[in-house]
Amino acid sequence: MDKYVHFVYRVTRDFPKEELYGATSQLRRAALSVILNYIEGFDRRKKLVQLNSLEISYGSLKESKYLLHFSLVEKYLSKSNYEIGLKMAEEIGAML
């Protein structure tokens, strides 16, 4: 998960400046939310709270996967970086 967040931050540095508060911000926020919600849930003692955090983390992962696709279509992201990011996201999804 950590590698995924750093990957997203690295590739979004090259996004258009006008997307700073749009796709760039949304993709970074969604990717960071995946690991932050996972960590928060891991530290909880109540099982239902843990499961809720994992569901939120999974939802953020789905959001970030769509934003990767959106960025590819808008040509903010190269095909190779899209495939790298998608592979990482799918591996994380299998863990969640």
PDB file of N, CA and C in Angstrom:
ATOM      1  N   MET A   1       0.814  -1.198   0.000  1.00  0.00           N
ATOM      2  CA  MET A   1       0.000   0.000   0.000  1.00  0.00           C
ATOM      3  C   MET A   1       0.856   1.260   0.000  1.00  0.00           C
ATOM      4  N   ASP A   2       1.932   1.212   0.750  1.00  0.00           N
ATOM      5  CA  ASP A   2       2.821   2.373   0.827  1.00  0.00           C
ATOM      6  C   ASP A   2       3.414   2.694  -0.547  1.00  0.00           C
ATOM      7  N   LYS A   3       3.825   1.662  -1.265  1.00  0.00           N
ATOM      8  CA  LYS A   3       4.397   1.876  -2.602  1.00  0.00           C
ATOM      9  C   LYS A   3       3.365   2.494  -3.545  1.00  0.00           C
ATOM     10  N   TYR A   4       2.118   2.086  -3.391  1.00  0.00           N
ATOM     11  CA  TYR A   4       1.041   2.612  -4.233  1.00  0.00           C
ATOM     12  C   TYR A   4       0.862   4.117  -4.014  1.00  0.00           C
ATOM     13  N   VAL A   5       0.835   4.530  -2.761  1.00  0.00           N
ATOM     14  CA  VAL A   5       0.674   5.958  -2.453  1.00  0.00           C
ATOM     15  C   VAL A   5       1.830   6.763  -3.035  1.00  0.00           C
ATOM     16  N   HIS A   6       3.043   6.277  -2.840  1.00  0.00           N
ATOM     17  CA  HIS A   6       4.208   6.997  -3.369  1.00  0.00           C
ATOM     18  C   HIS A   6       4.206   7.011  -4.901  1.00  0.00           C
ATOM     19  N   PHE A   7       3.760   5.922  -5.503  1.00  0.00           N
ATOM     20  CA  PHE A   7       3.637   5.876  -6.960  1.00  0.00           C
ATOM     21  C   PHE A   7       2.654   6.948  -7.437  1.00  0.00           C
ATOM     22  N   VAL A   8       1.498   7.016  -6.806  1.00  0.00           N
ATOM     23  CA  VAL A   8       0.479   8.000  -7.194  1.00  0.00           C
ATOM     24  C   VAL A   8       1.016   9.420  -7.039  1.00  0.00           C
ATOM     25  N   TYR A   9       1.671   9.695  -5.933  1.00  0.00           N
ATOM     26  CA  TYR A   9       2.225  11.039  -5.735  1.00  0.00           C
ATOM     27  C   TYR A   9       3.268  11.363  -6.805  1.00  0.00           C
ATOM     28  N   ARG A  10       4.077  10.368  -7.159  1.00  0.00           N
ATOM     29  CA  ARG A  10       5.119  10.602  -8.163  1.00  0.00           C
ATOM     30  C   ARG A  10       4.515  10.896  -9.535  1.00  0.00           C
ATOM     31  N   VAL A  11       3.566  10.070  -9.976  1.00  0.00           N
ATOM     32  CA  VAL A  11       3.022  10.262 -11.333  1.00  0.00           C
ATOM     33  C   VAL A  11       2.136  11.499 -11.434  1.00  0.00           C
ATOM     34  N   THR A  12       1.502  11.896 -10.342  1.00  0.00           N
ATOM     35  CA  THR A  12       0.629  13.069 -10.412  1.00  0.00           C
ATOM     36  C   THR A  12       1.410  14.381 -10.417  1.00  0.00           C
ATOM     37  N   ARG A  13       2.696  14.335 -10.152  1.00  0.00           N
ATOM     38  CA  ARG A  13       3.517  15.552 -10.248  1.00  0.00           C
ATOM     39  C   ARG A  13       3.516  16.114 -11.670  1.00  0.00           C
ATOM     40  N   ASP A  14       3.316  15.233 -12.647  1.00  0.00           N
ATOM     41  CA  ASP A  14       3.334  15.647 -14.053  1.00  0.00           C
ATOM     42  C   ASP A  14       1.951  15.990 -14.605  1.00  0.00           C
ATOM     43  N   PHE A  15       0.921  15.924 -13.776  1.00  0.00           N
ATOM     44  CA  PHE A  15      -0.423  16.272 -14.235  1.00  0.00           C
ATOM     45  C   PHE A  15      -0.476  17.774 -14.523  1.00  0.00           C
ATOM     46  N   PRO A  16      -1.402  18.188 -15.382  1.00  0.00           N
ATOM     47  CA  PRO A  16      -1.518  19.621 -15.686  1.00  0.00           C
ATOM     48  C   PRO A  16      -1.784  20.448 -14.423  1.00  0.00           C
ATOM     49  N   LYS A  17      -1.231  21.639 -14.397  1.00  0.00           N
ATOM     50  CA  LYS A  17      -1.394  22.519 -13.233  1.00  0.00           C
ATOM     51  C   LYS A  17      -2.865  22.837 -12.962  1.00  0.00           C
ATOM     52  N   GLU A  18      -3.673  22.927 -14.017  1.00  0.00           N
ATOM     53  CA  GLU A  18      -5.091  23.239 -13.805  1.00  0.00           C
ATOM     54  C   GLU A  18      -5.842  22.094 -13.118  1.00  0.00           C
ATOM     55  N   GLU A  19      -5.210  20.926 -13.022  1.00  0.00           N
ATOM     56  CA  GLU A  19      -5.818  19.781 -12.333  1.00  0.00           C
ATOM     57  C   GLU A  19      -5.361  19.661 -10.876  1.00  0.00           C
ATOM     58  N   LEU A  20      -4.588  20.628 -10.406  1.00  0.00           N
ATOM     59  CA  LEU A  20      -4.069  20.563  -9.035  1.00  0.00           C
ATOM     60  C   LEU A  20      -5.182  20.355  -8.013  1.00  0.00           C
ATOM     61  N   TYR A  21      -6.303  21.046  -8.188  1.00  0.00           N
ATOM     62  CA  TYR A  21      -7.425  20.916  -7.252  1.00  0.00           C
ATOM     63  C   TYR A  21      -8.516  20.001  -7.796  1.00  0.00           C
ATOM     64  N   GLY A  22      -8.240  19.330  -8.884  1.00  0.00           N
ATOM     65  CA  GLY A  22      -9.176  18.389  -9.492  1.00  0.00           C
ATOM     66  C   GLY A  22      -8.638  16.974  -9.384  1.00  0.00           C
ATOM     67  N   ALA A  23      -8.293  16.400 -10.532  1.00  0.00           N
ATOM     68  CA  ALA A  23      -7.861  15.001 -10.590  1.00  0.00           C
ATOM     69  C   ALA A  23      -6.621  14.734  -9.735  1.00  0.00           C
ATOM     70  N   THR A  24      -5.672  15.660  -9.719  1.00  0.00           N
ATOM     71  CA  THR A  24      -4.447  15.453  -8.932  1.00  0.00           C
ATOM     72  C   THR A  24      -4.786  15.287  -7.460  1.00  0.00           C
ATOM     73  N   SER A  25      -5.521  16.238  -6.936  1.00  0.00           N
ATOM     74  CA  SER A  25      -5.893  16.217  -5.525  1.00  0.00           C
ATOM     75  C   SER A  25      -6.763  15.008  -5.192  1.00  0.00           C
ATOM     76  N   GLN A  26      -7.735  14.712  -6.034  1.00  0.00           N
ATOM     77  CA  GLN A  26      -8.649  13.601  -5.777  1.00  0.00           C
ATOM     78  C   GLN A  26      -7.930  12.254  -5.800  1.00  0.00           C
ATOM     79  N   LEU A  27      -7.043  12.069  -6.767  1.00  0.00           N
ATOM     80  CA  LEU A  27      -6.316  10.806  -6.865  1.00  0.00           C
ATOM     81  C   LEU A  27      -5.378  10.630  -5.679  1.00  0.00           C
ATOM     82  N   ARG A  28      -4.676  11.676  -5.322  1.00  0.00           N
ATOM     83  CA  ARG A  28      -3.784  11.599  -4.159  1.00  0.00           C
ATOM     84  C   ARG A  28      -4.570  11.310  -2.882  1.00  0.00           C
ATOM     85  N   ARG A  29      -5.683  12.005  -2.701  1.00  0.00           N
ATOM     86  CA  ARG A  29      -6.500  11.814  -1.503  1.00  0.00           C
ATOM     87  C   ARG A  29      -7.034  10.387  -1.425  1.00  0.00           C
ATOM     88  N   ALA A  30      -7.520   9.861  -2.550  1.00  0.00           N
ATOM     89  CA  ALA A  30      -8.071   8.506  -2.565  1.00  0.00           C
ATOM     90  C   ALA A  30      -6.994   7.469  -2.269  1.00  0.00           C
ATOM     91  N   ALA A  31      -5.819   7.624  -2.881  1.00  0.00           N
ATOM     92  CA  ALA A  31      -4.731   6.666  -2.655  1.00  0.00           C
ATOM     93  C   ALA A  31      -4.260   6.704  -1.206  1.00  0.00           C
ATOM     94  N   LEU A  32      -4.138   7.897  -0.653  1.00  0.00           N
ATOM     95  CA  LEU A  32      -3.706   8.031   0.737  1.00  0.00           C
ATOM     96  C   LEU A  32      -4.759   7.470   1.686  1.00  0.00           C
ATOM     97  N   SER A  33      -6.021   7.633   1.340  1.00  0.00           N
ATOM     98  CA  SER A  33      -7.118   7.129   2.160  1.00  0.00           C
ATOM     99  C   SER A  33      -7.106   5.603   2.262  1.00  0.00           C
ATOM    100  N   VAL A  34      -6.626   4.935   1.232  1.00  0.00           N
ATOM    101  CA  VAL A  34      -6.562   3.468   1.255  1.00  0.00           C
ATOM    102  C   VAL A  34      -5.722   3.014   2.441  1.00  0.00           C
ATOM    103  N   ILE A  35      -4.510   3.509   2.541  1.00  0.00           N
ATOM    104  CA  ILE A  35      -3.616   3.056   3.604  1.00  0.00           C
ATOM    105  C   ILE A  35      -3.994   3.642   4.961  1.00  0.00           C
ATOM    106  N   LEU A  36      -4.453   4.887   4.995  1.00  0.00           N
ATOM    107  CA  LEU A  36      -4.809   5.496   6.281  1.00  0.00           C
ATOM    108  C   LEU A  36      -5.986   4.792   6.937  1.00  0.00           C
ATOM    109  N   ASN A  37      -6.998   4.429   6.163  1.00  0.00           N
ATOM    110  CA  ASN A  37      -8.137   3.704   6.732  1.00  0.00           C
ATOM    111  C   ASN A  37      -7.756   2.286   7.125  1.00  0.00           C
ATOM    112  N   TYR A  38      -6.869   1.671   6.372  1.00  0.00           N
ATOM    113  CA  TYR A  38      -6.379   0.341   6.731  1.00  0.00           C
ATOM    114  C   TYR A  38      -5.661   0.398   8.078  1.00  0.00           C
ATOM    115  N   ILE A  39      -4.774   1.370   8.234  1.00  0.00           N
ATOM    116  CA  ILE A  39      -4.020   1.514   9.483  1.00  0.00           C
ATOM    117  C   ILE A  39      -4.959   1.802  10.649  1.00  0.00           C
ATOM    118  N   GLU A  40      -5.909   2.700  10.436  1.00  0.00           N
ATOM    119  CA  GLU A  40      -6.856   3.031  11.497  1.00  0.00           C
ATOM    120  C   GLU A  40      -7.647   1.797  11.925  1.00  0.00           C
ATOM    121  N   GLY A  41      -8.128   1.024  10.973  1.00  0.00           N
ATOM    122  CA  GLY A  41      -8.892  -0.172  11.287  1.00  0.00           C
ATOM    123  C   GLY A  41      -8.061  -1.243  11.960  1.00  0.00           C
ATOM    124  N   PHE A  42      -6.806  -1.358  11.562  1.00  0.00           N
ATOM    125  CA  PHE A  42      -5.920  -2.367  12.136  1.00  0.00           C
ATOM    126  C   PHE A  42      -5.728  -2.148  13.628  1.00  0.00           C
ATOM    127  N   ASP A  43      -5.747  -0.894  14.056  1.00  0.00           N
ATOM    128  CA  ASP A  43      -5.485  -0.554  15.450  1.00  0.00           C
ATOM    129  C   ASP A  43      -6.731  -0.626  16.333  1.00  0.00           C
ATOM    130  N   ARG A  44      -7.883  -0.847  15.748  1.00  0.00           N
ATOM    131  CA  ARG A  44      -9.127  -0.884  16.527  1.00  0.00           C
ATOM    132  C   ARG A  44      -9.323  -2.257  17.157  1.00  0.00           C
ATOM    133  N   ARG A  45      -9.990  -2.270  18.285  1.00  0.00           N
ATOM    134  CA  ARG A  45     -10.213  -3.526  18.999  1.00  0.00           C
ATOM    135  C   ARG A  45     -11.547  -4.180  18.640  1.00  0.00           C
ATOM    136  N   LYS A  46     -12.509  -3.370  18.254  1.00  0.00           N
ATOM    137  CA  LYS A  46     -13.826  -3.919  17.919  1.00  0.00           C
ATOM    138  C   LYS A  46     -13.841  -4.381  16.469  1.00  0.00           C
ATOM    139  N   LYS A  47     -14.287  -5.602  16.267  1.00  0.00           N
ATOM    140  CA  LYS A  47     -14.284  -6.220  14.944  1.00  0.00           C
ATOM    141  C   LYS A  47     -15.107  -5.431  13.925  1.00  0.00           C
ATOM    142  N   LEU A  48     -16.274  -4.932  14.331  1.00  0.00           N
ATOM    143  CA  LEU A  48     -17.121  -4.186  13.393  1.00  0.00           C
ATOM    144  C   LEU A  48     -16.454  -2.890  12.944  1.00  0.00           C
ATOM    145  N   VAL A  49     -15.723  -2.253  13.845  1.00  0.00           N
ATOM    146  CA  VAL A  49     -15.007  -1.025  13.490  1.00  0.00           C
ATOM    147  C   VAL A  49     -13.877  -1.362  12.519  1.00  0.00           C
ATOM    148  N   GLN A  50     -13.197  -2.483  12.769  1.00  0.00           N
ATOM    149  CA  GLN A  50     -12.134  -2.930  11.857  1.00  0.00           C
ATOM    150  C   GLN A  50     -12.700  -3.177  10.461  1.00  0.00           C
ATOM    151  N   LEU A  51     -13.804  -3.884  10.399  1.00  0.00           N
ATOM    152  CA  LEU A  51     -14.419  -4.199   9.105  1.00  0.00           C
ATOM    153  C   LEU A  51     -14.888  -2.943   8.383  1.00  0.00           C
ATOM    154  N   ASN A  52     -15.445  -1.999   9.125  1.00  0.00           N
ATOM    155  CA  ASN A  52     -15.888  -0.744   8.517  1.00  0.00           C
ATOM    156  C   ASN A  52     -14.704   0.008   7.909  1.00  0.00           C
ATOM    157  N   SER A  53     -13.592   0.042   8.618  1.00  0.00           N
ATOM    158  CA  SER A  53     -12.399   0.720   8.099  1.00  0.00           C
ATOM    159  C   SER A  53     -11.883   0.042   6.838  1.00  0.00           C
ATOM    160  N   LEU A  54     -11.939  -1.282   6.802  1.00  0.00           N
ATOM    161  CA  LEU A  54     -11.508  -2.008   5.607  1.00  0.00           C
ATOM    162  C   LEU A  54     -12.433  -1.719   4.426  1.00  0.00           C
ATOM    163  N   GLU A  55     -13.729  -1.600   4.695  1.00  0.00           N
ATOM    164  CA  GLU A  55     -14.675  -1.268   3.621  1.00  0.00           C
ATOM    165  C   GLU A  55     -14.417   0.132   3.073  1.00  0.00           C
ATOM    166  N   ILE A  56     -14.127   1.068   3.952  1.00  0.00           N
ATOM    167  CA  ILE A  56     -13.815   2.433   3.511  1.00  0.00           C
ATOM    168  C   ILE A  56     -12.532   2.427   2.691  1.00  0.00           C
ATOM    169  N   SER A  57     -11.545   1.679   3.160  1.00  0.00           N
ATOM    170  CA  SER A  57     -10.278   1.557   2.447  1.00  0.00           C
ATOM    171  C   SER A  57     -10.505   0.980   1.051  1.00  0.00           C
ATOM    172  N   TYR A  58     -11.332  -0.048   0.960  1.00  0.00           N
ATOM    173  CA  TYR A  58     -11.628  -0.677  -0.325  1.00  0.00           C
ATOM    174  C   TYR A  58     -12.362   0.293  -1.258  1.00  0.00           C
ATOM    175  N   GLY A  59     -13.285   1.059  -0.710  1.00  0.00           N
ATOM    176  CA  GLY A  59     -13.994   2.058  -1.505  1.00  0.00           C
ATOM    177  C   GLY A  59     -13.051   3.119  -2.053  1.00  0.00           C
ATOM    178  N   SER A  60     -12.102   3.545  -1.236  1.00  0.00           N
ATOM    179  CA  SER A  60     -11.104   4.520  -1.689  1.00  0.00           C
ATOM    180  C   SER A  60     -10.219   3.928  -2.775  1.00  0.00           C
ATOM    181  N   LEU A  61      -9.931   2.649  -2.657  1.00  0.00           N
ATOM    182  CA  LEU A  61      -9.139   1.973  -3.683  1.00  0.00           C
ATOM    183  C   LEU A  61      -9.883   1.979  -5.016  1.00  0.00           C
ATOM    184  N   LYS A  62     -11.173   1.666  -4.982  1.00  0.00           N
ATOM    185  CA  LYS A  62     -11.985   1.682  -6.208  1.00  0.00           C
ATOM    186  C   LYS A  62     -12.020   3.088  -6.813  1.00  0.00           C
ATOM    187  N   GLU A  63     -12.138   4.090  -5.965  1.00  0.00           N
ATOM    188  CA  GLU A  63     -12.139   5.477  -6.427  1.00  0.00           C
ATOM    189  C   GLU A  63     -10.816   5.809  -7.112  1.00  0.00           C
ATOM    190  N   SER A  64      -9.721   5.394  -6.492  1.00  0.00           N
ATOM    191  CA  SER A  64      -8.409   5.696  -7.076  1.00  0.00           C
ATOM    192  C   SER A  64      -8.203   4.941  -8.390  1.00  0.00           C
ATOM    193  N   LYS A  65      -8.738   3.716  -8.497  1.00  0.00           N
ATOM    194  CA  LYS A  65      -8.624   2.975  -9.756  1.00  0.00           C
ATOM    195  C   LYS A  65      -9.361   3.700 -10.878  1.00  0.00           C
ATOM    196  N   TYR A  66     -10.545   4.220 -10.575  1.00  0.00           N
ATOM    197  CA  TYR A  66     -11.258   4.969 -11.607  1.00  0.00           C
ATOM    198  C   TYR A  66     -10.481   6.225 -11.990  1.00  0.00           C
ATOM    199  N   LEU A  67      -9.914   6.912 -11.018  1.00  0.00           N
ATOM    200  CA  LEU A  67      -9.160   8.133 -11.311  1.00  0.00           C
ATOM    201  C   LEU A  67      -7.908   7.839 -12.132  1.00  0.00           C
ATOM    202  N   LEU A  68      -7.305   6.677 -11.943  1.00  0.00           N
ATOM    203  CA  LEU A  68      -6.195   6.275 -12.812  1.00  0.00           C
ATOM    204  C   LEU A  68      -6.697   6.140 -14.250  1.00  0.00           C
ATOM    205  N   HIS A  69      -7.846   5.481 -14.409  1.00  0.00           N
ATOM    206  CA  HIS A  69      -8.445   5.313 -15.743  1.00  0.00           C
ATOM    207  C   HIS A  69      -8.789   6.674 -16.355  1.00  0.00           C
ATOM    208  N   PHE A  70      -9.410   7.522 -15.574  1.00  0.00           N
ATOM    209  CA  PHE A  70      -9.759   8.871 -16.031  1.00  0.00           C
ATOM    210  C   PHE A  70      -8.511   9.615 -16.504  1.00  0.00           C
ATOM    211  N   SER A  71      -7.444   9.499 -15.729  1.00  0.00           N
ATOM    212  CA  SER A  71      -6.189  10.183 -16.056  1.00  0.00           C
ATOM    213  C   SER A  71      -5.559   9.632 -17.327  1.00  0.00           C
ATOM    214  N   LEU A  72      -5.724   8.348 -17.567  1.00  0.00           N
ATOM    215  CA  LEU A  72      -5.240   7.745 -18.810  1.00  0.00           C
ATOM    216  C   LEU A  72      -6.022   8.298 -20.002  1.00  0.00           C
ATOM    217  N   VAL A  73      -7.342   8.297 -19.899  1.00  0.00           N
ATOM    218  CA  VAL A  73      -8.196   8.776 -20.990  1.00  0.00           C
ATOM    219  C   VAL A  73      -7.920  10.251 -21.300  1.00  0.00           C
ATOM    220  N   GLU A  74      -7.698  11.038 -20.260  1.00  0.00           N
ATOM    221  CA  GLU A  74      -7.417  12.469 -20.444  1.00  0.00           C
ATOM    222  C   GLU A  74      -5.960  12.735 -20.839  1.00  0.00           C
ATOM    223  N   LYS A  75      -5.183  11.649 -20.931  1.00  0.00           N
ATOM    224  CA  LYS A  75      -3.772  11.720 -21.327  1.00  0.00           C
ATOM    225  C   LYS A  75      -2.884  12.447 -20.311  1.00  0.00           C
ATOM    226  N   TYR A  76      -3.287  12.360 -19.040  1.00  0.00           N
ATOM    227  CA  TYR A  76      -2.437  12.879 -17.965  1.00  0.00           C
ATOM    228  C   TYR A  76      -1.431  11.810 -17.545  1.00  0.00           C
ATOM    229  N   LEU A  77      -1.763  10.561 -17.849  1.00  0.00           N
ATOM    230  CA  LEU A  77      -1.009   9.404 -17.388  1.00  0.00           C
ATOM    231  C   LEU A  77      -0.674   8.525 -18.587  1.00  0.00           C
ATOM    232  N   SER A  78       0.552   8.036 -18.641  1.00  0.00           N
ATOM    233  CA  SER A  78       0.951   7.141 -19.736  1.00  0.00           C
ATOM    234  C   SER A  78       0.316   5.765 -19.548  1.00  0.00           C
ATOM    235  N   LYS A  79       0.226   5.031 -20.632  1.00  0.00           N
ATOM    236  CA  LYS A  79      -0.335   3.667 -20.588  1.00  0.00           C
ATOM    237  C   LYS A  79       0.487   2.781 -19.652  1.00  0.00           C
ATOM    238  N   SER A  80       1.807   2.902 -19.709  1.00  0.00           N
ATOM    239  CA  SER A  80       2.652   2.057 -18.854  1.00  0.00           C
ATOM    240  C   SER A  80       2.458   2.398 -17.377  1.00  0.00           C
ATOM    241  N   ASN A  81       2.370   3.683 -17.038  1.00  0.00           N
ATOM    242  CA  ASN A  81       2.124   4.048 -15.640  1.00  0.00           C
ATOM    243  C   ASN A  81       0.728   3.641 -15.195  1.00  0.00           C
ATOM    244  N   TYR A  82      -0.234   3.717 -16.099  1.00  0.00           N
ATOM    245  CA  TYR A  82      -1.583   3.250 -15.777  1.00  0.00           C
ATOM    246  C   TYR A  82      -1.551   1.763 -15.426  1.00  0.00           C
ATOM    247  N   GLU A  83      -0.874   0.978 -16.243  1.00  0.00           N
ATOM    248  CA  GLU A  83      -0.811  -0.468 -16.008  1.00  0.00           C
ATOM    249  C   GLU A  83      -0.082  -0.796 -14.713  1.00  0.00           C
ATOM    250  N   ILE A  84       0.982  -0.063 -14.412  1.00  0.00           N
ATOM    251  CA  ILE A  84       1.705  -0.268 -13.151  1.00  0.00           C
ATOM    252  C   ILE A  84       0.781   0.038 -11.971  1.00  0.00           C
ATOM    253  N   GLY A  85       0.112   1.183 -12.025  1.00  0.00           N
ATOM    254  CA  GLY A  85      -0.791   1.577 -10.944  1.00  0.00           C
ATOM    255  C   GLY A  85      -1.956   0.622 -10.785  1.00  0.00           C
ATOM    256  N   LEU A  86      -2.520   0.189 -11.900  1.00  0.00           N
ATOM    257  CA  LEU A  86      -3.642  -0.744 -11.857  1.00  0.00           C
ATOM    258  C   LEU A  86      -3.223  -2.074 -11.240  1.00  0.00           C
ATOM    259  N   LYS A  87      -2.048  -2.561 -11.603  1.00  0.00           N
ATOM    260  CA  LYS A  87      -1.551  -3.824 -11.034  1.00  0.00           C
ATOM    261  C   LYS A  87      -1.386  -3.701  -9.522  1.00  0.00           C
ATOM    262  N   MET A  88      -0.794  -2.599  -9.077  1.00  0.00           N
ATOM    263  CA  MET A  88      -0.639  -2.380  -7.630  1.00  0.00           C
ATOM    264  C   MET A  88      -2.002  -2.343  -6.943  1.00  0.00           C
ATOM    265  N   ALA A  89      -2.939  -1.607  -7.533  1.00  0.00           N
ATOM    266  CA  ALA A  89      -4.271  -1.471  -6.944  1.00  0.00           C
ATOM    267  C   ALA A  89      -4.976  -2.822  -6.862  1.00  0.00           C
ATOM    268  N   GLU A  90      -4.829  -3.636  -7.881  1.00  0.00           N
ATOM    269  CA  GLU A  90      -5.482  -4.943  -7.859  1.00  0.00           C
ATOM    270  C   GLU A  90      -4.859  -5.869  -6.821  1.00  0.00           C
ATOM    271  N   GLU A  91      -3.558  -5.762  -6.613  1.00  0.00           N
ATOM    272  CA  GLU A  91      -2.908  -6.547  -5.559  1.00  0.00           C
ATOM    273  C   GLU A  91      -3.404  -6.115  -4.179  1.00  0.00           C
ATOM    274  N   ILE A  92      -3.557  -4.815  -3.990  1.00  0.00           N
ATOM    275  CA  ILE A  92      -4.077  -4.304  -2.717  1.00  0.00           C
ATOM    276  C   ILE A  92      -5.517  -4.766  -2.525  1.00  0.00           C
ATOM    277  N   GLY A  93      -6.316  -4.691  -3.581  1.00  0.00           N
ATOM    278  CA  GLY A  93      -7.704  -5.133  -3.509  1.00  0.00           C
ATOM    279  C   GLY A  93      -7.826  -6.587  -3.094  1.00  0.00           C
ATOM    280  N   ALA A  94      -6.923  -7.419  -3.565  1.00  0.00           N
ATOM    281  CA  ALA A  94      -6.939  -8.838  -3.189  1.00  0.00           C
ATOM    282  C   ALA A  94      -6.625  -9.012  -1.702  1.00  0.00           C
ATOM    283  N   MET A  95      -5.786  -8.138  -1.166  1.00  0.00           N
ATOM    284  CA  MET A  95      -5.449  -8.209   0.262  1.00  0.00           C
ATOM    285  C   MET A  95      -6.603  -7.723   1.139  1.00  0.00           C
ATOM    286  N   LEU A  96      -7.327  -6.721   0.642  1.00  0.00           N
ATOM    287  CA  LEU A  96      -8.419  -6.164   1.444  1.00  0.00           C
ATOM    288  C   LEU A  96      -9.618  -7.098   1.424  1.00  0.00           C
TER     289      LEU A  96
END
